[in-house]
Amino acid sequence: MGSYTCLIIENDPLELDFLQTVLGPMFQEKGTLLTCRDGVKAAKLAQEHEPDLILMDIMIPGTEGMDILEQIREILPHCCISIVTNRAEFRCAQRAI
């Protein structure tokens, strides 16, 4: 396994802490783990660091999460993005796909 970068976009402090606790040790040894809590910073970090993996909530302050997802997709079309959210609207899931 080479060196990888993961970006976590999550505004809830408990969720962010959980993801950092679970993923932190792996990325500490094999790469970089970046975090942010708002959409504006998320797009900037994605462009600057070109992460291999993004774990993101779509209910984040600063902008509509789906808009950030689309911006990141334009910047990094081959990046693996996983949406981690408690939003249950079918329309939202359709747009994400």
N, C-alpha and C. Protein backbone atom coordinates (compact mmCIF):
# COMPACT_ATOMS: atom_id res chain seq x y z
N MET A 1 0.85 -1.18 0.00
CA MET A 1 0.00 0.00 0.00
C MET A 1 0.88 1.23 0.00
N GLY A 2 0.62 2.13 -0.94
CA GLY A 2 1.38 3.36 -1.02
C GLY A 2 0.83 4.40 -0.07
N SER A 3 1.18 5.64 -0.33
CA SER A 3 0.71 6.75 0.49
C SER A 3 -0.58 7.31 -0.11
N TYR A 4 -1.60 7.45 0.72
CA TYR A 4 -2.91 7.93 0.29
C TYR A 4 -3.34 9.13 1.11
N THR A 5 -4.23 9.92 0.52
CA THR A 5 -4.80 11.06 1.23
C THR A 5 -6.31 10.89 1.30
N CYS A 6 -6.85 11.11 2.49
CA CYS A 6 -8.29 11.04 2.71
C CYS A 6 -8.76 12.38 3.26
N LEU A 7 -9.86 12.88 2.73
CA LEU A 7 -10.47 14.11 3.21
C LEU A 7 -11.82 13.76 3.81
N ILE A 8 -12.02 14.14 5.07
CA ILE A 8 -13.30 13.95 5.74
C ILE A 8 -13.98 15.31 5.82
N ILE A 9 -15.20 15.39 5.30
CA ILE A 9 -16.00 16.62 5.33
C ILE A 9 -17.21 16.33 6.22
N GLU A 10 -17.17 16.82 7.43
CA GLU A 10 -18.22 16.51 8.42
C GLU A 10 -18.32 17.66 9.40
N ASN A 11 -19.53 18.21 9.58
CA ASN A 11 -19.69 19.34 10.49
C ASN A 11 -20.02 18.92 11.91
N ASP A 12 -20.52 17.71 12.10
CA ASP A 12 -20.87 17.24 13.45
C ASP A 12 -19.60 16.81 14.18
N PRO A 13 -19.27 17.46 15.31
CA PRO A 13 -18.02 17.15 16.01
C PRO A 13 -17.91 15.70 16.46
N LEU A 14 -19.01 15.09 16.88
CA LEU A 14 -18.96 13.69 17.32
C LEU A 14 -18.69 12.74 16.15
N GLU A 15 -19.35 12.99 15.03
CA GLU A 15 -19.13 12.16 13.84
C GLU A 15 -17.70 12.33 13.33
N LEU A 16 -17.23 13.56 13.30
CA LEU A 16 -15.87 13.83 12.85
C LEU A 16 -14.86 13.13 13.75
N ASP A 17 -15.06 13.24 15.04
CA ASP A 17 -14.17 12.58 16.00
C ASP A 17 -14.17 11.07 15.80
N PHE A 18 -15.35 10.49 15.60
CA PHE A 18 -15.44 9.04 15.36
C PHE A 18 -14.65 8.64 14.12
N LEU A 19 -14.86 9.34 13.01
CA LEU A 19 -14.16 8.99 11.77
C LEU A 19 -12.65 9.16 11.91
N GLN A 20 -12.23 10.21 12.61
CA GLN A 20 -10.80 10.40 12.84
C GLN A 20 -10.23 9.28 13.72
N THR A 21 -10.98 8.85 14.72
CA THR A 21 -10.52 7.79 15.61
C THR A 21 -10.37 6.47 14.85
N VAL A 22 -11.32 6.18 13.99
CA VAL A 22 -11.29 4.93 13.24
C VAL A 22 -10.20 4.96 12.15
N LEU A 23 -10.14 6.04 11.40
CA LEU A 23 -9.23 6.11 10.25
C LEU A 23 -7.86 6.66 10.58
N GLY A 24 -7.77 7.45 11.64
CA GLY A 24 -6.51 8.11 11.98
C GLY A 24 -5.29 7.21 12.03
N PRO A 25 -5.33 6.10 12.75
CA PRO A 25 -4.15 5.24 12.84
C PRO A 25 -3.68 4.72 11.47
N MET A 26 -4.60 4.36 10.60
CA MET A 26 -4.23 3.85 9.29
C MET A 26 -3.54 4.93 8.46
N PHE A 27 -4.11 6.12 8.46
CA PHE A 27 -3.54 7.19 7.65
C PHE A 27 -2.29 7.79 8.29
N GLN A 28 -2.15 7.67 9.58
CA GLN A 28 -0.95 8.15 10.24
C GLN A 28 0.26 7.38 9.73
N GLU A 29 0.09 6.08 9.49
CA GLU A 29 1.18 5.24 9.02
C GLU A 29 1.34 5.28 7.51
N LYS A 30 0.26 5.42 6.77
CA LYS A 30 0.30 5.25 5.32
C LYS A 30 -0.15 6.44 4.50
N GLY A 31 -0.31 7.59 5.11
CA GLY A 31 -0.76 8.71 4.29
C GLY A 31 -1.14 9.92 5.11
N THR A 32 -2.12 10.66 4.58
CA THR A 32 -2.55 11.91 5.19
C THR A 32 -4.05 11.90 5.37
N LEU A 33 -4.49 12.32 6.54
CA LEU A 33 -5.91 12.44 6.84
C LEU A 33 -6.22 13.91 7.07
N LEU A 34 -7.05 14.47 6.19
CA LEU A 34 -7.45 15.88 6.28
C LEU A 34 -8.91 15.95 6.73
N THR A 35 -9.25 17.00 7.46
CA THR A 35 -10.64 17.18 7.88
C THR A 35 -11.06 18.62 7.70
N CYS A 36 -12.36 18.79 7.51
CA CYS A 36 -12.93 20.14 7.50
C CYS A 36 -14.39 20.03 7.87
N ARG A 37 -14.95 21.18 8.27
CA ARG A 37 -16.32 21.19 8.77
C ARG A 37 -17.25 22.08 7.95
N ASP A 38 -16.78 22.61 6.82
CA ASP A 38 -17.66 23.42 5.99
C ASP A 38 -17.35 23.22 4.51
N GLY A 39 -18.33 23.54 3.69
CA GLY A 39 -18.24 23.29 2.26
C GLY A 39 -17.21 24.12 1.53
N VAL A 40 -17.04 25.37 1.91
CA VAL A 40 -16.09 26.25 1.24
C VAL A 40 -14.67 25.72 1.42
N LYS A 41 -14.34 25.36 2.64
CA LYS A 41 -13.00 24.82 2.92
C LYS A 41 -12.83 23.46 2.24
N ALA A 42 -13.89 22.68 2.16
CA ALA A 42 -13.83 21.35 1.55
C ALA A 42 -13.37 21.42 0.10
N ALA A 43 -13.98 22.30 -0.67
CA ALA A 43 -13.60 22.43 -2.08
C ALA A 43 -12.16 22.89 -2.22
N LYS A 44 -11.74 23.81 -1.36
CA LYS A 44 -10.36 24.31 -1.40
C LYS A 44 -9.37 23.20 -1.06
N LEU A 45 -9.65 22.42 -0.01
CA LEU A 45 -8.75 21.32 0.37
C LEU A 45 -8.70 20.26 -0.72
N ALA A 46 -9.83 19.96 -1.32
CA ALA A 46 -9.87 18.96 -2.40
C ALA A 46 -8.99 19.40 -3.56
N GLN A 47 -9.08 20.66 -3.92
CA GLN A 47 -8.29 21.17 -5.04
C GLN A 47 -6.80 21.19 -4.69
N GLU A 48 -6.46 21.61 -3.48
CA GLU A 48 -5.05 21.72 -3.08
C GLU A 48 -4.37 20.37 -2.88
N HIS A 49 -5.09 19.40 -2.29
CA HIS A 49 -4.45 18.14 -1.88
C HIS A 49 -4.80 16.94 -2.75
N GLU A 50 -5.80 17.07 -3.63
CA GLU A 50 -6.23 15.99 -4.52
C GLU A 50 -6.30 14.65 -3.79
N PRO A 51 -7.21 14.53 -2.81
CA PRO A 51 -7.31 13.29 -2.04
C PRO A 51 -7.72 12.10 -2.90
N ASP A 52 -7.33 10.92 -2.46
CA ASP A 52 -7.71 9.67 -3.13
C ASP A 52 -9.11 9.24 -2.70
N LEU A 53 -9.49 9.61 -1.49
CA LEU A 53 -10.77 9.23 -0.91
C LEU A 53 -11.36 10.42 -0.18
N ILE A 54 -12.66 10.63 -0.37
CA ILE A 54 -13.38 11.67 0.37
C ILE A 54 -14.59 11.03 1.03
N LEU A 55 -14.70 11.24 2.34
CA LEU A 55 -15.89 10.84 3.09
C LEU A 55 -16.61 12.13 3.44
N MET A 56 -17.83 12.29 2.97
CA MET A 56 -18.48 13.57 3.18
C MET A 56 -19.93 13.46 3.60
N ASP A 57 -20.29 14.38 4.47
CA ASP A 57 -21.68 14.59 4.83
C ASP A 57 -22.21 15.58 3.80
N ILE A 58 -23.45 15.47 3.43
CA ILE A 58 -24.01 16.43 2.49
C ILE A 58 -24.82 17.51 3.18
N MET A 59 -24.91 17.43 4.49
CA MET A 59 -25.57 18.48 5.27
C MET A 59 -24.47 19.24 6.03
N ILE A 60 -23.81 20.14 5.30
CA ILE A 60 -22.69 20.89 5.87
C ILE A 60 -22.92 22.38 5.71
N PRO A 61 -22.40 23.18 6.65
CA PRO A 61 -22.58 24.63 6.54
C PRO A 61 -21.70 25.23 5.44
N GLY A 62 -22.08 26.39 4.99
CA GLY A 62 -21.28 27.10 4.00
C GLY A 62 -21.81 26.97 2.59
N THR A 63 -22.52 25.89 2.32
CA THR A 63 -23.09 25.67 1.00
C THR A 63 -23.93 24.41 1.02
N GLU A 64 -24.64 24.14 -0.02
CA GLU A 64 -25.38 22.88 -0.16
C GLU A 64 -24.36 21.77 -0.45
N GLY A 65 -24.41 20.71 0.32
CA GLY A 65 -23.46 19.62 0.19
C GLY A 65 -23.41 19.01 -1.20
N MET A 66 -24.56 18.90 -1.85
CA MET A 66 -24.59 18.32 -3.20
C MET A 66 -23.86 19.23 -4.19
N ASP A 67 -23.92 20.54 -3.97
CA ASP A 67 -23.18 21.46 -4.84
C ASP A 67 -21.68 21.26 -4.67
N ILE A 68 -21.24 21.06 -3.43
CA ILE A 68 -19.81 20.79 -3.17
C ILE A 68 -19.41 19.47 -3.82
N LEU A 69 -20.27 18.48 -3.73
CA LEU A 69 -19.99 17.19 -4.37
C LEU A 69 -19.77 17.38 -5.87
N GLU A 70 -20.62 18.16 -6.50
CA GLU A 70 -20.48 18.41 -7.94
C GLU A 70 -19.20 19.18 -8.25
N GLN A 71 -18.85 20.17 -7.41
CA GLN A 71 -17.60 20.92 -7.62
C GLN A 71 -16.39 20.01 -7.51
N ILE A 72 -16.39 19.16 -6.51
CA ILE A 72 -15.27 18.25 -6.31
C ILE A 72 -15.18 17.26 -7.48
N ARG A 73 -16.32 16.77 -7.95
CA ARG A 73 -16.34 15.86 -9.09
C ARG A 73 -15.70 16.50 -10.33
N GLU A 74 -15.94 17.81 -10.52
CA GLU A 74 -15.34 18.51 -11.65
C GLU A 74 -13.82 18.61 -11.50
N ILE A 75 -13.37 18.87 -10.28
CA ILE A 75 -11.93 19.01 -10.01
C ILE A 75 -11.23 17.66 -10.03
N LEU A 76 -11.87 16.65 -9.43
CA LEU A 76 -11.28 15.32 -9.25
C LEU A 76 -12.23 14.25 -9.76
N PRO A 77 -12.35 14.08 -11.07
CA PRO A 77 -13.34 13.15 -11.61
C PRO A 77 -13.12 11.69 -11.21
N HIS A 78 -11.90 11.31 -10.86
CA HIS A 78 -11.61 9.91 -10.54
C HIS A 78 -11.49 9.64 -9.04
N CYS A 79 -11.74 10.63 -8.23
CA CYS A 79 -11.65 10.47 -6.78
C CYS A 79 -12.81 9.60 -6.27
N CYS A 80 -12.51 8.75 -5.32
CA CYS A 80 -13.54 7.92 -4.69
C CYS A 80 -14.22 8.77 -3.61
N ILE A 81 -15.52 8.98 -3.75
CA ILE A 81 -16.27 9.80 -2.80
C ILE A 81 -17.37 8.94 -2.19
N SER A 82 -17.40 8.92 -0.88
CA SER A 82 -18.44 8.19 -0.15
C SER A 82 -19.24 9.18 0.68
N ILE A 83 -20.55 9.16 0.51
CA ILE A 83 -21.41 10.07 1.26
C ILE A 83 -21.82 9.38 2.57
N VAL A 84 -21.55 10.08 3.66
CA VAL A 84 -21.89 9.59 4.99
C VAL A 84 -22.86 10.61 5.57
N THR A 85 -24.16 10.24 5.62
CA THR A 85 -25.15 11.21 6.07
C THR A 85 -26.35 10.51 6.68
N ASN A 86 -27.12 11.26 7.42
CA ASN A 86 -28.37 10.72 7.95
C ASN A 86 -29.57 11.28 7.19
N ARG A 87 -29.31 11.99 6.13
CA ARG A 87 -30.38 12.55 5.30
C ARG A 87 -31.06 11.41 4.55
N ALA A 88 -32.37 11.32 4.64
CA ALA A 88 -33.08 10.16 4.12
C ALA A 88 -33.95 10.46 2.89
N GLU A 89 -33.76 11.59 2.26
CA GLU A 89 -34.59 11.95 1.11
C GLU A 89 -34.14 11.18 -0.13
N PHE A 90 -35.06 10.50 -0.79
CA PHE A 90 -34.75 9.73 -1.99
C PHE A 90 -34.20 10.63 -3.10
N ARG A 91 -34.76 11.83 -3.23
CA ARG A 91 -34.32 12.78 -4.25
C ARG A 91 -32.84 13.12 -4.09
N CYS A 92 -32.41 13.25 -2.85
CA CYS A 92 -31.02 13.55 -2.55
C CYS A 92 -30.11 12.39 -2.98
N ALA A 93 -30.54 11.18 -2.70
CA ALA A 93 -29.76 10.00 -3.09
C ALA A 93 -29.67 9.89 -4.60
N GLN A 94 -30.76 10.17 -5.30
CA GLN A 94 -30.75 10.13 -6.76
C GLN A 94 -29.76 11.14 -7.33
N ARG A 95 -29.75 12.34 -6.79
CA ARG A 95 -28.84 13.38 -7.27
C ARG A 95 -27.39 12.98 -7.02
N ALA A 96 -27.13 12.37 -5.88
CA ALA A 96 -25.76 11.97 -5.54
C ALA A 96 -25.24 10.92 -6.52
N ILE A 97 -26.11 10.00 -6.91
CA ILE A 97 -25.70 8.96 -7.85
C ILE A 97 -25.45 9.57 -9.21
